[in-house]
Amino acid sequence: MFNKLTKSKKLTPELVKILTNTCWLFADRILRMGIGLFVGVWVARYLGVQQFGVFNYAIAFVALFSTLANLGLDSIVIRYIISDPENREQILATSFWMKLWAGFLCVLLTVGAIFILRHDDNLTIMIVAILSFAGVVQAFNTIDIYFQSQVQSKYTVVAQNSAFIIAALLKIILISIHAPLVAFAWVTLLEVCLGVLGLIVIYKNKGYSMPFQRLNFPLAKNLLKESYPLILAGFSIMIYMRIDQIMLGEIAGDKAVGVYSAATRISEVWYFIPTAITSSVTPSIFAAKEISKELYYQRIEKLLRLVSVISIAVALPMSFMSGPLITELFGKGFVEAGKILAIHIWTSVFVFMGVATSPWFIAEGLTKLTFRRTVIGAGINIILNFILIPSYGGVGAAIATVVSQAFASFLSNASDPKTRDLFQLQAKSLIPFKV
């Protein structure tokens, strides 16, 4: 089929490569969406609202620090490899060691923070401690960065899906033997370990050596110089993506987190779409900038328009289906999650848009602006959560998330002359009939 497409004047070999890569990523996420939703609902029903809330509170707490372990390096390292392929191994090795040490640091920060916040809650502390080690293991996902740079995500899909299926089966076994909550945390960590192991096997079978060269300090310095705004921006993103669950747990209790998490599990399951599309086209956007400004902006505009239409097509029907869908999947104990889902699903419009604009900020060297807008967005989310959660609980948290995402990913671009052209492209992308 793809051989026929390459003969078309419209579909170049490069575009076919991008489409193939995107299809692999979509296959990965659709499989995860189907099995993950099924098993996730089963786990939620088994644990009940209270324990499901504790588990998701721990996941949110670890996620808050996880961006520090990643160091915001992925897109920057991809750009380095594309521009300097001869030094691929040195670039990957430096990225690996940076992520590994950052992962250990995050374990200390995460466990220390949860101990201060919930020093008398041994169960939550234990689960957070277990999950936090995923950041250390994920340093080996540096291998995935190389596959992304070569638009070969199929290898990552094979490795991570194998781990995902094994973990899903183990969770079903845990439910059948009535395992305690902490066992689910261990399986979650095991999934990450198995996924990394699969990547290592595939990478070595392709004849590549593992990135165990010595860390190149000048290169590490240059990478951090470019990535530190993305580190801080990623941390800010996680604040307004996860702080709602943490604040709900502290203000309204873990049961409220359980109800809210049921809604966000449905809402956030779609977030793979812009990530899959954007990761596939990012190399072509970087390459287009070297050719002409017109081609560069054409590709950005097409990307924005595509993800905006998809996000609206998801959000609109989900708003009307939310109540019956939640009750059918999770049971009557989670009925309040229907109202939350009807609101929270609109976050996807701005999440999709934010992911799609990330290549532009990197290509333009404006990652510092990314940090500024996300910090303001995070601040708005925290303030709105303090105001709305006491009175409206999970519904208030959902409203706060939508508003803060809209500002950080879209509205803030209108206020700066450097990003005003991007804002206009974003605004035009929200008009579906122009597709």
Protein backbone atom coordinates (compact mmCIF):
# COMPACT_ATOMS: atom_id res chain seq x y z
CA MET A 1 0.00 0.00 0.00
CA PHE A 2 2.74 2.46 0.96
CA ASN A 3 4.65 1.63 -2.23
CA LYS A 4 1.64 2.81 -4.21
CA LEU A 5 1.38 5.94 -2.13
CA THR A 6 4.99 6.89 -2.78
CA LYS A 7 4.20 7.09 -6.49
CA SER A 8 1.71 9.84 -5.77
CA LYS A 9 2.89 13.39 -6.35
CA LYS A 10 1.50 14.39 -2.99
CA LEU A 11 3.07 11.68 -0.83
CA THR A 12 6.85 11.81 -0.86
CA PRO A 13 9.00 9.01 0.62
CA GLU A 14 9.66 11.29 3.60
CA LEU A 15 5.94 11.77 4.20
CA VAL A 16 5.30 8.04 3.88
CA LYS A 17 8.02 7.43 6.47
CA ILE A 18 6.30 9.91 8.81
CA LEU A 19 2.90 8.31 8.22
CA THR A 20 4.31 4.83 8.85
CA ASN A 21 5.92 5.99 12.07
CA THR A 22 2.70 7.69 13.18
CA CYS A 23 0.71 4.53 12.44
CA TRP A 24 3.04 2.55 14.68
CA LEU A 25 2.61 5.09 17.46
CA PHE A 26 -1.15 5.07 17.02
CA ALA A 27 -1.24 1.27 17.08
CA ASP A 28 0.74 1.42 20.31
CA ARG A 29 -1.56 3.90 21.97
CA ILE A 30 -4.80 2.41 20.70
CA LEU A 31 -3.75 -0.95 22.13
CA ARG A 32 -2.86 0.77 25.40
CA MET A 33 -6.09 2.76 25.37
CA GLY A 34 -8.20 -0.36 24.91
CA ILE A 35 -6.43 -2.75 27.26
CA GLY A 36 -5.39 -0.01 29.67
CA LEU A 37 -8.91 1.32 30.01
CA PHE A 38 -10.34 -2.17 30.50
CA VAL A 39 -7.78 -3.18 33.12
CA GLY A 40 -7.78 0.28 34.70
CA VAL A 41 -11.54 0.18 35.20
CA TRP A 42 -11.25 -3.32 36.63
CA VAL A 43 -8.55 -2.14 39.05
CA ALA A 44 -10.69 0.86 40.05
CA ARG A 45 -13.70 -1.34 40.76
CA TYR A 46 -11.53 -3.75 42.76
CA LEU A 47 -9.76 -1.12 44.85
CA GLY A 48 -12.83 1.06 45.42
CA VAL A 49 -13.01 4.85 45.48
CA GLN A 50 -10.81 5.33 48.58
CA GLN A 51 -7.84 3.09 47.65
CA PHE A 52 -8.08 4.10 43.99
CA GLY A 53 -7.75 7.66 45.23
CA VAL A 54 -4.64 6.83 47.29
CA PHE A 55 -3.02 5.10 44.29
CA ASN A 56 -3.72 7.99 41.92
CA TYR A 57 -2.61 10.54 44.50
CA ALA A 58 0.75 8.71 44.65
CA ILE A 59 0.99 8.58 40.84
CA ALA A 60 0.27 12.31 40.60
CA PHE A 61 2.82 13.09 43.30
CA VAL A 62 5.57 11.12 41.53
CA ALA A 63 4.63 12.64 38.16
CA LEU A 64 5.14 16.09 39.66
CA PHE A 65 8.87 15.34 39.99
CA SER A 66 9.26 13.03 36.99
CA THR A 67 9.93 15.87 34.53
CA LEU A 68 13.06 16.73 36.50
CA ALA A 69 14.40 13.22 35.83
CA ASN A 70 13.80 13.62 32.08
CA LEU A 71 15.67 16.96 32.07
CA GLY A 72 13.65 18.15 29.06
CA LEU A 73 16.30 16.63 26.80
CA ASP A 74 14.38 14.50 24.29
CA SER A 75 13.56 17.01 21.53
CA ILE A 76 16.90 18.79 21.93
CA VAL A 77 18.88 15.53 21.71
CA ILE A 78 16.90 14.57 18.59
CA ARG A 79 17.92 17.87 17.01
CA TYR A 80 21.57 17.30 17.96
CA ILE A 81 21.55 13.80 16.43
CA ILE A 82 19.95 15.02 13.19
CA SER A 83 22.46 17.86 12.82
CA ASP A 84 25.50 15.80 13.92
CA PRO A 85 24.83 12.08 13.24
CA GLU A 86 28.53 11.14 13.42
CA ASN A 87 28.59 11.91 17.16
CA ARG A 88 25.38 10.00 17.87
CA GLU A 89 26.90 7.68 20.48
CA GLN A 90 28.52 10.51 22.42
CA ILE A 91 25.30 12.53 22.41
CA LEU A 92 23.24 9.56 23.58
CA ALA A 93 25.77 8.59 26.24
CA THR A 94 25.85 12.09 27.68
CA SER A 95 22.06 12.22 27.71
CA PHE A 96 21.91 8.81 29.43
CA TRP A 97 24.25 9.71 32.29
CA MET A 98 22.54 13.05 32.82
CA LYS A 99 19.15 11.34 33.08
CA LEU A 100 20.44 8.57 35.33
CA TRP A 101 21.84 10.92 37.98
CA ALA A 102 18.78 13.15 37.69
CA GLY A 103 16.63 10.07 38.31
CA PHE A 104 18.39 9.26 41.58
CA LEU A 105 18.08 12.88 42.68
CA CYS A 106 14.35 12.80 41.97
CA VAL A 107 13.92 9.70 44.14
CA LEU A 108 15.39 11.62 47.08
CA LEU A 109 13.27 14.71 46.37
CA THR A 110 10.04 12.77 45.88
CA VAL A 111 10.35 10.56 48.95
CA GLY A 112 11.51 13.47 51.09
CA ALA A 113 8.59 15.64 49.97
CA ILE A 114 5.91 12.99 50.58
CA PHE A 115 7.39 12.21 54.01
CA ILE A 116 7.11 15.88 54.98
CA LEU A 117 3.57 16.18 53.62
CA ARG A 118 2.19 12.84 54.91
CA HIS A 119 4.63 11.65 57.55
CA ASP A 120 1.92 9.61 59.30
CA ASP A 121 0.64 7.86 56.14
CA ASN A 122 2.96 4.88 55.69
CA LEU A 123 0.99 3.34 52.81
CA THR A 124 1.16 6.46 50.64
CA ILE A 125 4.85 6.96 51.43
CA MET A 126 5.62 3.34 50.43
CA ILE A 127 3.73 3.58 47.13
CA VAL A 128 5.37 6.90 46.24
CA ALA A 129 8.82 5.46 47.05
CA ILE A 130 8.24 2.44 44.78
CA LEU A 131 6.90 4.47 41.86
CA SER A 132 9.65 7.10 42.11
CA PHE A 133 12.32 4.60 40.99
CA ALA A 134 10.74 4.58 37.52
CA GLY A 135 12.63 7.83 36.88
CA VAL A 136 15.95 6.04 37.40
CA VAL A 137 15.04 3.15 35.10
CA GLN A 138 13.76 5.48 32.38
CA ALA A 139 17.25 6.87 31.83
CA PHE A 140 17.61 3.90 29.45
CA ASN A 141 14.81 5.37 27.35
CA THR A 142 17.61 7.41 25.81
CA ILE A 143 17.57 4.58 23.27
CA ASP A 144 14.06 5.66 22.29
CA ILE A 145 15.38 9.16 21.51
CA TYR A 146 17.57 7.68 18.79
CA PHE A 147 14.67 5.73 17.28
CA GLN A 148 12.58 8.93 17.30
CA SER A 149 15.35 10.84 15.51
CA GLN A 150 15.31 8.16 12.78
CA VAL A 151 11.48 8.08 12.69
CA GLN A 152 11.59 4.42 13.77
CA SER A 153 9.19 4.35 16.69
CA LYS A 154 8.03 0.84 15.79
CA TYR A 155 10.88 -0.59 17.88
CA THR A 156 9.77 1.35 20.94
CA VAL A 157 6.19 0.25 20.31
CA VAL A 158 7.19 -3.43 20.26
CA ALA A 159 9.24 -3.16 23.47
CA GLN A 160 6.80 -1.09 25.49
CA ASN A 161 3.69 -2.91 24.34
CA SER A 162 5.18 -6.26 25.32
CA ALA A 163 5.86 -4.87 28.80
CA PHE A 164 2.41 -3.30 28.94
CA ILE A 165 0.61 -6.56 28.10
CA ILE A 166 2.61 -8.49 30.69
CA ALA A 167 1.82 -5.85 33.33
CA ALA A 168 -1.87 -5.88 32.41
CA LEU A 169 -2.00 -9.65 32.85
CA LEU A 170 -0.23 -9.37 36.20
CA LYS A 171 -2.78 -6.80 37.39
CA ILE A 172 -5.60 -9.18 36.49
CA ILE A 173 -3.84 -11.90 38.49
CA LEU A 174 -3.47 -9.50 41.44
CA ILE A 175 -7.21 -8.82 41.35
CA SER A 176 -8.01 -12.53 41.23
CA ILE A 177 -5.85 -13.29 44.29
CA HIS A 178 -7.12 -10.21 46.18
CA ALA A 179 -3.68 -8.61 46.39
CA PRO A 180 -3.07 -5.46 48.47
CA LEU A 181 -2.72 -1.99 46.97
CA VAL A 182 1.09 -1.93 47.23
CA ALA A 183 1.32 -4.89 44.84
CA PHE A 184 -0.13 -2.74 42.05
CA ALA A 185 2.62 -0.20 42.63
CA TRP A 186 5.28 -2.91 42.18
CA VAL A 187 3.68 -4.05 38.92
CA THR A 188 3.62 -0.45 37.65
CA LEU A 189 7.37 -0.19 38.27
CA LEU A 190 7.94 -3.61 36.72
CA GLU A 191 6.23 -2.46 33.51
CA VAL A 192 8.76 0.35 33.14
CA CYS A 193 11.65 -2.06 33.76
CA LEU A 194 10.40 -4.58 31.19
CA GLY A 195 9.86 -1.85 28.58
CA VAL A 196 13.42 -0.62 29.03
CA LEU A 197 14.77 -4.19 28.85
CA GLY A 198 12.96 -4.70 25.54
CA LEU A 199 14.48 -1.49 24.12
CA ILE A 200 17.97 -2.60 25.14
CA VAL A 201 17.54 -6.00 23.44
CA ILE A 202 16.27 -4.43 20.19
CA TYR A 203 18.99 -1.75 20.19
CA LYS A 204 21.78 -4.31 20.65
CA ASN A 205 20.28 -6.66 18.04
CA LYS A 206 20.50 -3.83 15.51
CA GLY A 207 24.24 -3.76 16.11
CA TYR A 208 24.44 -0.60 18.22
CA SER A 209 26.54 -0.35 21.37
CA MET A 210 24.90 0.81 24.57
CA PRO A 211 25.40 4.49 25.45
CA PHE A 212 27.92 3.78 28.20
CA GLN A 213 30.66 6.11 27.04
CA ARG A 214 31.92 8.69 29.49
CA LEU A 215 29.84 11.77 30.00
CA ASN A 216 31.02 14.68 27.85
CA PHE A 217 30.95 17.64 30.22
CA PRO A 218 31.08 20.43 27.58
CA LEU A 219 28.24 18.73 25.70
CA ALA A 220 26.28 18.21 28.93
CA LYS A 221 26.69 21.89 29.71
CA ASN A 222 25.37 22.87 26.28
CA LEU A 223 22.44 20.48 26.58
CA LEU A 224 21.50 21.82 30.01
CA LYS A 225 21.87 25.39 28.79
CA GLU A 226 19.20 24.70 26.19
CA SER A 227 17.05 22.35 28.22
CA TYR A 228 16.80 24.07 31.59
CA PRO A 229 13.86 26.23 30.47
CA LEU A 230 12.17 23.02 29.29
CA ILE A 231 12.90 21.34 32.64
CA LEU A 232 11.25 24.19 34.50
CA ALA A 233 8.46 24.36 31.93
CA GLY A 234 7.87 20.61 32.22
CA PHE A 235 7.72 20.93 35.99
CA SER A 236 5.21 23.75 35.62
CA ILE A 237 3.18 21.66 33.16
CA MET A 238 3.06 18.83 35.66
CA ILE A 239 1.92 21.27 38.32
CA TYR A 240 -1.16 22.27 36.39
CA MET A 241 -1.65 18.72 35.09
CA ARG A 242 -1.33 16.96 38.47
CA ILE A 243 -1.60 19.54 41.23
CA ASP A 244 -5.40 19.24 41.06
CA GLN A 245 -5.22 15.64 42.33
CA ILE A 246 -2.69 16.51 45.01
CA MET A 247 -4.71 19.51 46.22
CA LEU A 248 -7.92 17.47 46.10
CA GLY A 249 -6.26 14.87 48.31
CA GLU A 250 -5.13 17.47 50.82
CA ILE A 251 -8.33 19.58 50.82
CA ALA A 252 -11.14 17.10 50.07
CA GLY A 253 -9.54 13.73 50.87
CA ASP A 254 -8.40 10.65 48.92
CA LYS A 255 -11.96 9.62 48.08
CA ALA A 256 -12.38 12.82 46.07
CA VAL A 257 -9.14 11.97 44.26
CA GLY A 258 -10.57 8.54 43.38
CA VAL A 259 -13.68 10.05 41.80
CA TYR A 260 -11.68 12.72 39.99
CA SER A 261 -9.15 10.16 38.71
CA ALA A 262 -11.93 8.09 37.15
CA ALA A 263 -12.88 11.13 35.05
CA THR A 264 -9.32 12.04 34.11
CA ARG A 265 -8.55 8.45 33.14
CA ILE A 266 -11.14 8.82 30.36
CA SER A 267 -10.19 12.41 29.53
CA GLU A 268 -6.43 11.91 29.38
CA VAL A 269 -6.53 8.64 27.46
CA TRP A 270 -6.66 10.73 24.26
CA TYR A 271 -3.43 12.64 24.94
CA PHE A 272 -1.40 10.08 23.02
CA ILE A 273 -2.77 11.47 19.75
CA PRO A 274 -0.87 14.80 19.58
CA THR A 275 2.24 13.18 21.04
CA ALA A 276 2.26 10.45 18.39
CA ILE A 277 1.66 12.89 15.53
CA THR A 278 4.06 15.58 16.75
CA SER A 279 6.93 13.20 17.52
CA SER A 280 6.67 11.86 13.97
CA VAL A 281 6.63 15.24 12.19
CA THR A 282 9.08 17.13 14.42
CA PRO A 283 12.17 16.06 12.43
CA SER A 284 10.49 17.24 9.21
CA ILE A 285 9.61 20.60 10.79
CA PHE A 286 13.23 21.12 11.87
CA ALA A 287 14.36 20.18 8.35
CA ALA A 288 11.81 22.53 6.73
CA LYS A 289 13.20 25.50 8.68
CA GLU A 290 16.53 24.94 6.91
CA ILE A 291 14.81 24.99 3.51
CA SER A 292 12.39 27.94 3.65
CA LYS A 293 10.31 29.93 6.10
CA GLU A 294 7.19 29.34 3.99
CA LEU A 295 7.51 25.55 4.06
CA TYR A 296 8.35 25.68 7.78
CA TYR A 297 5.17 27.55 8.69
CA GLN A 298 3.05 25.50 6.30
CA ARG A 299 3.99 22.34 8.18
CA ILE A 300 3.33 23.93 11.57
CA GLU A 301 -0.06 25.21 10.42
CA LYS A 302 -1.08 21.80 9.07
CA LEU A 303 -0.03 20.15 12.31
CA LEU A 304 -2.00 22.64 14.42
CA ARG A 305 -5.09 22.33 12.28
CA LEU A 306 -5.01 18.54 12.38
CA VAL A 307 -4.67 18.21 16.16
CA SER A 308 -7.25 20.94 16.83
CA VAL A 309 -9.91 19.25 14.73
CA ILE A 310 -9.20 15.87 16.32
CA SER A 311 -9.41 17.34 19.84
CA ILE A 312 -12.78 19.00 19.19
CA ALA A 313 -14.08 15.82 17.59
CA VAL A 314 -13.18 14.00 20.82
CA ALA A 315 -14.37 16.61 23.33
CA LEU A 316 -17.79 17.42 21.88
CA PRO A 317 -19.43 13.97 22.00
CA MET A 318 -17.68 13.05 25.26
CA SER A 319 -19.34 16.02 26.99
CA PHE A 320 -22.77 14.52 26.34
CA MET A 321 -21.81 10.90 26.96
CA SER A 322 -19.84 11.46 30.18
CA GLY A 323 -22.50 10.55 32.75
CA PRO A 324 -23.70 7.22 31.31
CA LEU A 325 -20.14 6.30 30.29
CA ILE A 326 -18.73 6.72 33.81
CA THR A 327 -21.58 4.80 35.45
CA GLU A 328 -21.32 1.97 32.93
CA LEU A 329 -17.55 1.63 33.29
CA PHE A 330 -16.79 2.38 36.92
CA GLY A 331 -20.10 1.77 38.68
CA LYS A 332 -22.42 3.91 40.77
CA GLY A 333 -19.72 4.63 43.35
CA PHE A 334 -18.02 6.91 40.79
CA VAL A 335 -21.19 8.62 39.50
CA GLU A 336 -19.94 12.13 40.39
CA ALA A 337 -17.08 11.66 37.94
CA GLY A 338 -19.54 12.18 35.05
CA LYS A 339 -19.86 15.92 35.75
CA ILE A 340 -16.11 16.23 36.10
CA LEU A 341 -15.45 14.45 32.80
CA ALA A 342 -17.89 16.70 30.90
CA ILE A 343 -15.72 19.68 31.86
CA HIS A 344 -12.24 18.16 32.02
CA ILE A 345 -12.46 16.68 28.50
CA TRP A 346 -12.13 20.21 27.04
CA THR A 347 -8.62 20.37 28.45
CA SER A 348 -7.67 18.13 25.54
CA VAL A 349 -8.19 20.98 23.04
CA PHE A 350 -5.43 23.01 24.69
CA VAL A 351 -3.22 20.02 25.53
CA PHE A 352 -3.26 18.97 21.87
CA MET A 353 -2.43 22.52 20.84
CA GLY A 354 0.37 22.85 23.39
CA VAL A 355 2.06 19.62 22.28
CA ALA A 356 1.83 20.64 18.62
CA THR A 357 3.53 24.01 19.23
CA SER A 358 6.53 22.54 21.08
CA PRO A 359 8.62 22.01 17.88
CA TRP A 360 8.12 25.69 16.99
CA PHE A 361 9.43 26.93 20.34
CA ILE A 362 12.47 24.66 20.08
CA ALA A 363 13.20 25.58 16.46
CA GLU A 364 12.89 29.29 17.24
CA GLY A 365 15.05 29.04 20.34
CA LEU A 366 12.24 30.40 22.50
CA THR A 367 12.14 27.72 25.16
CA LYS A 368 12.45 30.43 27.82
CA LEU A 369 9.01 31.70 26.76
CA THR A 370 7.67 28.17 27.19
CA PHE A 371 8.84 28.28 30.77
CA ARG A 372 7.29 31.69 31.44
CA ARG A 373 3.86 30.86 30.08
CA THR A 374 3.68 27.51 31.87
CA VAL A 375 4.72 29.06 35.19
CA ILE A 376 1.91 31.58 34.89
CA GLY A 377 -0.49 28.80 33.88
CA ALA A 378 0.55 26.73 36.89
CA GLY A 379 0.06 29.74 39.16
CA ILE A 380 -3.45 30.30 37.77
CA ASN A 381 -4.29 26.63 38.35
CA ILE A 382 -3.12 26.67 41.96
CA ILE A 383 -5.03 29.87 42.75
CA LEU A 384 -8.22 28.60 41.09
CA ASN A 385 -7.91 25.25 42.90
CA PHE A 386 -7.67 27.03 46.26
CA ILE A 387 -10.79 29.03 45.38
CA LEU A 388 -12.92 26.34 43.72
CA ILE A 389 -12.08 22.99 45.40
CA PRO A 390 -13.49 23.84 48.87
CA SER A 391 -16.89 24.68 47.34
CA TYR A 392 -17.07 22.50 44.23
CA GLY A 393 -14.60 19.65 44.82
CA GLY A 394 -13.59 17.76 41.69
CA VAL A 395 -15.76 19.94 39.42
CA GLY A 396 -13.86 23.00 40.63
CA ALA A 397 -10.53 21.27 40.00
CA ALA A 398 -11.64 20.42 36.44
CA ILE A 399 -12.59 24.05 35.75
CA ALA A 400 -9.24 25.23 37.10
CA THR A 401 -7.39 22.80 34.84
CA VAL A 402 -9.23 23.86 31.67
CA VAL A 403 -8.72 27.58 32.34
CA SER A 404 -5.03 27.22 33.16
CA GLN A 405 -4.38 25.02 30.12
CA ALA A 406 -6.17 27.49 27.85
CA PHE A 407 -3.98 30.30 29.09
CA ALA A 408 -0.67 28.44 29.06
CA SER A 409 -1.03 26.77 25.66
CA PHE A 410 -3.03 29.36 23.74
CA LEU A 411 -4.03 32.75 25.18
CA SER A 412 -0.57 33.65 26.53
CA ASN A 413 0.82 33.62 22.99
CA ALA A 414 -1.33 36.63 22.11
CA SER A 415 0.41 38.83 24.69
CA ASP A 416 3.96 38.56 23.33
CA PRO A 417 5.05 39.98 19.95
CA LYS A 418 7.44 37.02 19.48
CA THR A 419 4.59 34.49 19.65
CA ARG A 420 1.77 36.51 18.09
CA ASP A 421 2.16 34.86 14.68
CA LEU A 422 1.91 31.46 16.38
CA PHE A 423 -1.23 32.60 18.22
CA GLN A 424 -2.84 33.57 14.91
CA LEU A 425 -2.08 30.11 13.51
CA GLN A 426 -3.58 28.54 16.63
CA ALA A 427 -6.70 30.68 16.38
CA LYS A 428 -7.18 29.78 12.71
CA SER A 429 -6.72 26.10 13.51
CA LEU A 430 -9.83 26.20 15.73
CA ILE A 431 -12.04 26.81 12.68
CA PRO A 432 -12.90 23.24 11.61
CA PHE A 433 -14.42 23.98 8.22
CA LYS A 434 -11.09 25.23 6.88
CA VAL A 435 -9.61 21.74 7.06
